[in-house]
Structure formats: C-alpha cells, structure tokens
C-alpha cells in the first residue's frame, strides 16, 4: 500500500494563489508521481495535470496558463502551483502515483481548496 500525503490546501480569495504538495513515501516500491486530479462540487472528478508518456505535462483546459505542475525527485514530492484561482477551482485535490513494478495506481486522500469570490 502506498500512502500519498497532500498538503497546501486552504481558503483564498479569487485571484489568489496556492501551492499544493504531495509527498510519496520512500520505500522499496518504485513509485512515480502521475499527476493531480480534483473533485469539484456537482461535477465529475477531473484530471487537472498529468505527465504524458513522452515526459511532457498536460493540463485540463480549465487550468491551462494558471496551474503548473513540478516535481522534486530528490524529495519524492510533487507540486501544483495554482495561480489566478477562481471560485470554480474550489474542490478537493488529489495527488496520483503509480507503482512502476506492478502498474498499480494510487491516489491520496486529498486536500481541500476553497476559493471565494
């Protein structure tokens, strides 16, 4: 079992910024972060940012130009920098990772982001 711990959520006003972090455990597993998703009220879970097979990064149209995903491999940590936040960005944000040996995907418990107008 892989435990991913997200942090950095909170409440901000529209136009504000937050940086989410997701640390994967150091273990015998070969774990690679895959991206971020979110669950917003009244909508289906949405993939916000993800790494592509060619090593690039893809973003949902709704966040392009505002969100940036980066990672610190030395710290096993994935980040999501969120700028120009909008009320519709409100939701629970989840970090994803994959066990490269088994192909099993994991998601964290999520961190709440609330953007007020």
C-alpha atoms as a PDB file:
ATOM      1  CA  UNK A   1       0.000   0.000   0.000  1.00  0.00           C
ATOM      2  CA  UNK A   2       1.293   3.432  -0.948  1.00  0.00           C
ATOM      3  CA  UNK A   3       0.319   6.425   1.125  1.00  0.00           C
ATOM      4  CA  UNK A   4       0.399   9.769  -0.606  1.00  0.00           C
ATOM      5  CA  UNK A   5       0.112  12.827   1.591  1.00  0.00           C
ATOM      6  CA  UNK A   6      -1.210  16.012   0.049  1.00  0.00           C
ATOM      7  CA  UNK A   7      -0.842  19.372   1.743  1.00  0.00           C
ATOM      8  CA  UNK A   8      -1.090  23.057   0.976  1.00  0.00           C
ATOM      9  CA  UNK A   9      -4.815  23.395   0.527  1.00  0.00           C
ATOM     10  CA  UNK A  10      -6.740  26.201   2.133  1.00  0.00           C
ATOM     11  CA  UNK A  11      -9.054  29.124   1.581  1.00  0.00           C
ATOM     12  CA  UNK A  12      -8.148  32.031  -0.653  1.00  0.00           C
ATOM     13  CA  UNK A  13      -9.921  34.809  -2.427  1.00  0.00           C
ATOM     14  CA  UNK A  14     -10.444  34.855  -6.158  1.00  0.00           C
ATOM     15  CA  UNK A  15      -7.195  35.758  -7.898  1.00  0.00           C
ATOM     16  CA  UNK A  16      -5.074  34.292  -5.143  1.00  0.00           C
ATOM     17  CA  UNK A  17      -2.517  31.511  -5.259  1.00  0.00           C
ATOM     18  CA  UNK A  18      -1.841  28.238  -3.517  1.00  0.00           C
ATOM     19  CA  UNK A  19       0.843  25.597  -3.874  1.00  0.00           C
ATOM     20  CA  UNK A  20      -0.114  22.024  -3.234  1.00  0.00           C
ATOM     21  CA  UNK A  21       2.453  19.410  -2.296  1.00  0.00           C
ATOM     22  CA  UNK A  22       2.333  15.656  -2.448  1.00  0.00           C
ATOM     23  CA  UNK A  23       4.992  13.520  -0.872  1.00  0.00           C
ATOM     24  CA  UNK A  24       5.361   9.885  -1.772  1.00  0.00           C
ATOM     25  CA  UNK A  25       6.881   7.547   0.779  1.00  0.00           C
ATOM     26  CA  UNK A  26      10.424   6.333   0.445  1.00  0.00           C
ATOM     27  CA  UNK A  27      10.086   2.609   0.349  1.00  0.00           C
ATOM     28  CA  UNK A  28      11.090  -0.449  -1.570  1.00  0.00           C
ATOM     29  CA  UNK A  29       8.383   0.344  -4.082  1.00  0.00           C
ATOM     30  CA  UNK A  30       9.279   2.130  -7.267  1.00  0.00           C
ATOM     31  CA  UNK A  31       6.795   4.958  -7.141  1.00  0.00           C
ATOM     32  CA  UNK A  32       6.357   7.640  -9.767  1.00  0.00           C
ATOM     33  CA  UNK A  33       4.004  10.554  -9.412  1.00  0.00           C
ATOM     34  CA  UNK A  34       1.464  10.748 -12.206  1.00  0.00           C
ATOM     35  CA  UNK A  35      -0.407  13.987 -11.644  1.00  0.00           C
ATOM     36  CA  UNK A  36      -3.247  15.789  -9.927  1.00  0.00           C
ATOM     37  CA  UNK A  37      -6.990  15.446 -10.139  1.00  0.00           C
ATOM     38  CA  UNK A  38      -9.804  17.284  -8.433  1.00  0.00           C
ATOM     39  CA  UNK A  39     -13.364  16.742  -7.362  1.00  0.00           C
ATOM     40  CA  UNK A  40     -15.396  19.911  -7.617  1.00  0.00           C
ATOM     41  CA  UNK A  41     -18.979  20.216  -6.321  1.00  0.00           C
ATOM     42  CA  UNK A  42     -21.539  18.887  -8.762  1.00  0.00           C
ATOM     43  CA  UNK A  43     -19.011  17.699 -11.305  1.00  0.00           C
ATOM     44  CA  UNK A  44     -17.201  14.507 -12.156  1.00  0.00           C
ATOM     45  CA  UNK A  45     -13.655  14.051 -10.991  1.00  0.00           C
ATOM     46  CA  UNK A  46     -11.326  15.855 -13.366  1.00  0.00           C
ATOM     47  CA  UNK A  47      -7.709  15.249 -14.240  1.00  0.00           C
ATOM     48  CA  UNK A  48      -6.070  18.632 -13.705  1.00  0.00           C
ATOM     49  CA  UNK A  49      -2.457  17.919 -14.637  1.00  0.00           C
ATOM     50  CA  UNK A  50      -0.648  14.768 -15.661  1.00  0.00           C
ATOM     51  CA  UNK A  51       2.629  13.559 -17.032  1.00  0.00           C
ATOM     52  CA  UNK A  52       2.489  12.180 -20.548  1.00  0.00           C
ATOM     53  CA  UNK A  53       4.283   9.102 -21.830  1.00  0.00           C
ATOM     54  CA  UNK A  54       6.842  11.245 -23.631  1.00  0.00           C
ATOM     55  CA  UNK A  55       7.771  13.030 -20.431  1.00  0.00           C
ATOM     56  CA  UNK A  56       5.727  16.135 -21.014  1.00  0.00           C
ATOM     57  CA  UNK A  57       2.906  17.586 -18.958  1.00  0.00           C
ATOM     58  CA  UNK A  58      -0.703  18.040 -19.974  1.00  0.00           C
ATOM     59  CA  UNK A  59      -3.251  20.253 -18.282  1.00  0.00           C
ATOM     60  CA  UNK A  60      -7.010  20.486 -18.296  1.00  0.00           C
ATOM     61  CA  UNK A  61      -8.200  23.349 -20.480  1.00  0.00           C
ATOM     62  CA  UNK A  62      -9.813  24.940 -17.452  1.00  0.00           C
ATOM     63  CA  UNK A  63      -6.447  25.430 -15.718  1.00  0.00           C
ATOM     64  CA  UNK A  64      -4.029  25.982 -18.602  1.00  0.00           C
ATOM     65  CA  UNK A  65      -1.898  29.044 -18.089  1.00  0.00           C
ATOM     66  CA  UNK A  66      -2.793  29.225 -14.391  1.00  0.00           C
ATOM     67  CA  UNK A  67      -1.587  25.934 -12.898  1.00  0.00           C
ATOM     68  CA  UNK A  68       1.908  24.480 -13.119  1.00  0.00           C
ATOM     69  CA  UNK A  69       2.949  21.020 -12.032  1.00  0.00           C
ATOM     70  CA  UNK A  70       6.543  20.357 -10.999  1.00  0.00           C
ATOM     71  CA  UNK A  71       8.354  17.721  -9.013  1.00  0.00           C
ATOM     72  CA  UNK A  72      11.391  17.391  -6.828  1.00  0.00           C
ATOM     73  CA  UNK A  73      12.681  13.879  -7.368  1.00  0.00           C
ATOM     74  CA  UNK A  74      15.213  14.172  -4.574  1.00  0.00           C
ATOM     75  CA  UNK A  75      12.383  14.843  -2.127  1.00  0.00           C
ATOM     76  CA  UNK A  76       9.858  12.489  -3.770  1.00  0.00           C
ATOM     77  CA  UNK A  77       7.493  15.440  -3.855  1.00  0.00           C
ATOM     78  CA  UNK A  78       5.064  16.626  -6.496  1.00  0.00           C
ATOM     79  CA  UNK A  79       3.809  20.204  -6.560  1.00  0.00           C
ATOM     80  CA  UNK A  80       0.913  22.025  -8.108  1.00  0.00           C
ATOM     81  CA  UNK A  81       1.299  25.786  -8.250  1.00  0.00           C
ATOM     82  CA  UNK A  82      -2.121  27.344  -8.672  1.00  0.00           C
ATOM     83  CA  UNK A  83      -2.335  30.997  -9.638  1.00  0.00           C
ATOM     84  CA  UNK A  84      -5.237  33.270 -10.538  1.00  0.00           C
ATOM     85  CA  UNK A  85      -7.573  30.996  -8.661  1.00  0.00           C
ATOM     86  CA  UNK A  86     -11.274  31.160  -9.422  1.00  0.00           C
ATOM     87  CA  UNK A  87     -14.296  30.109  -7.362  1.00  0.00           C
ATOM     88  CA  UNK A  88     -14.833  27.231  -9.796  1.00  0.00           C
ATOM     89  CA  UNK A  89     -11.456  25.824  -8.755  1.00  0.00           C
ATOM     90  CA  UNK A  90     -12.981  25.026  -5.379  1.00  0.00           C
ATOM     91  CA  UNK A  91     -12.806  21.336  -4.600  1.00  0.00           C
ATOM     92  CA  UNK A  92     -10.735  18.514  -3.232  1.00  0.00           C
ATOM     93  CA  UNK A  93      -7.418  17.983  -4.968  1.00  0.00           C
ATOM     94  CA  UNK A  94      -5.826  14.557  -5.163  1.00  0.00           C
ATOM     95  CA  UNK A  95      -2.319  13.504  -5.971  1.00  0.00           C
ATOM     96  CA  UNK A  96      -1.690  10.372  -8.007  1.00  0.00           C
ATOM     97  CA  UNK A  97       1.210   7.967  -8.316  1.00  0.00           C
ATOM     98  CA  UNK A  98       1.978   4.636  -9.898  1.00  0.00           C
ATOM     99  CA  UNK A  99       3.931   1.627  -8.738  1.00  0.00           C
ATOM    100  CA  UNK A 100       6.207   1.083 -11.701  1.00  0.00           C
ATOM    101  CA  UNK A 101       6.679  -2.588 -10.873  1.00  0.00           C
ATOM    102  CA  UNK A 102       3.034  -3.561 -10.630  1.00  0.00           C
ATOM    103  CA  UNK A 103       1.354  -0.788 -12.625  1.00  0.00           C
ATOM    104  CA  UNK A 104      -0.970  -0.082  -9.727  1.00  0.00           C
ATOM    105  CA  UNK A 105      -2.235   3.484  -9.489  1.00  0.00           C
ATOM    106  CA  UNK A 106      -2.758   5.214  -6.167  1.00  0.00           C
ATOM    107  CA  UNK A 107      -4.475   8.414  -5.108  1.00  0.00           C
ATOM    108  CA  UNK A 108      -4.076  10.343  -1.888  1.00  0.00           C
ATOM    109  CA  UNK A 109      -6.880  11.347   0.455  1.00  0.00           C
ATOM    110  CA  UNK A 110      -6.967  14.838  -0.956  1.00  0.00           C
ATOM    111  CA  UNK A 111      -6.634  18.393   0.249  1.00  0.00           C
ATOM    112  CA  UNK A 112      -9.440  20.944   0.221  1.00  0.00           C
ATOM    113  CA  UNK A 113      -9.114  24.124  -1.827  1.00  0.00           C
ATOM    114  CA  UNK A 114     -11.735  26.824  -1.369  1.00  0.00           C
ATOM    115  CA  UNK A 115     -11.776  29.959  -3.492  1.00  0.00           C
ATOM    116  CA  UNK A 116     -14.186  32.710  -2.523  1.00  0.00           C
ATOM    117  CA  UNK A 117     -15.364  35.462  -4.825  1.00  0.00           C
END
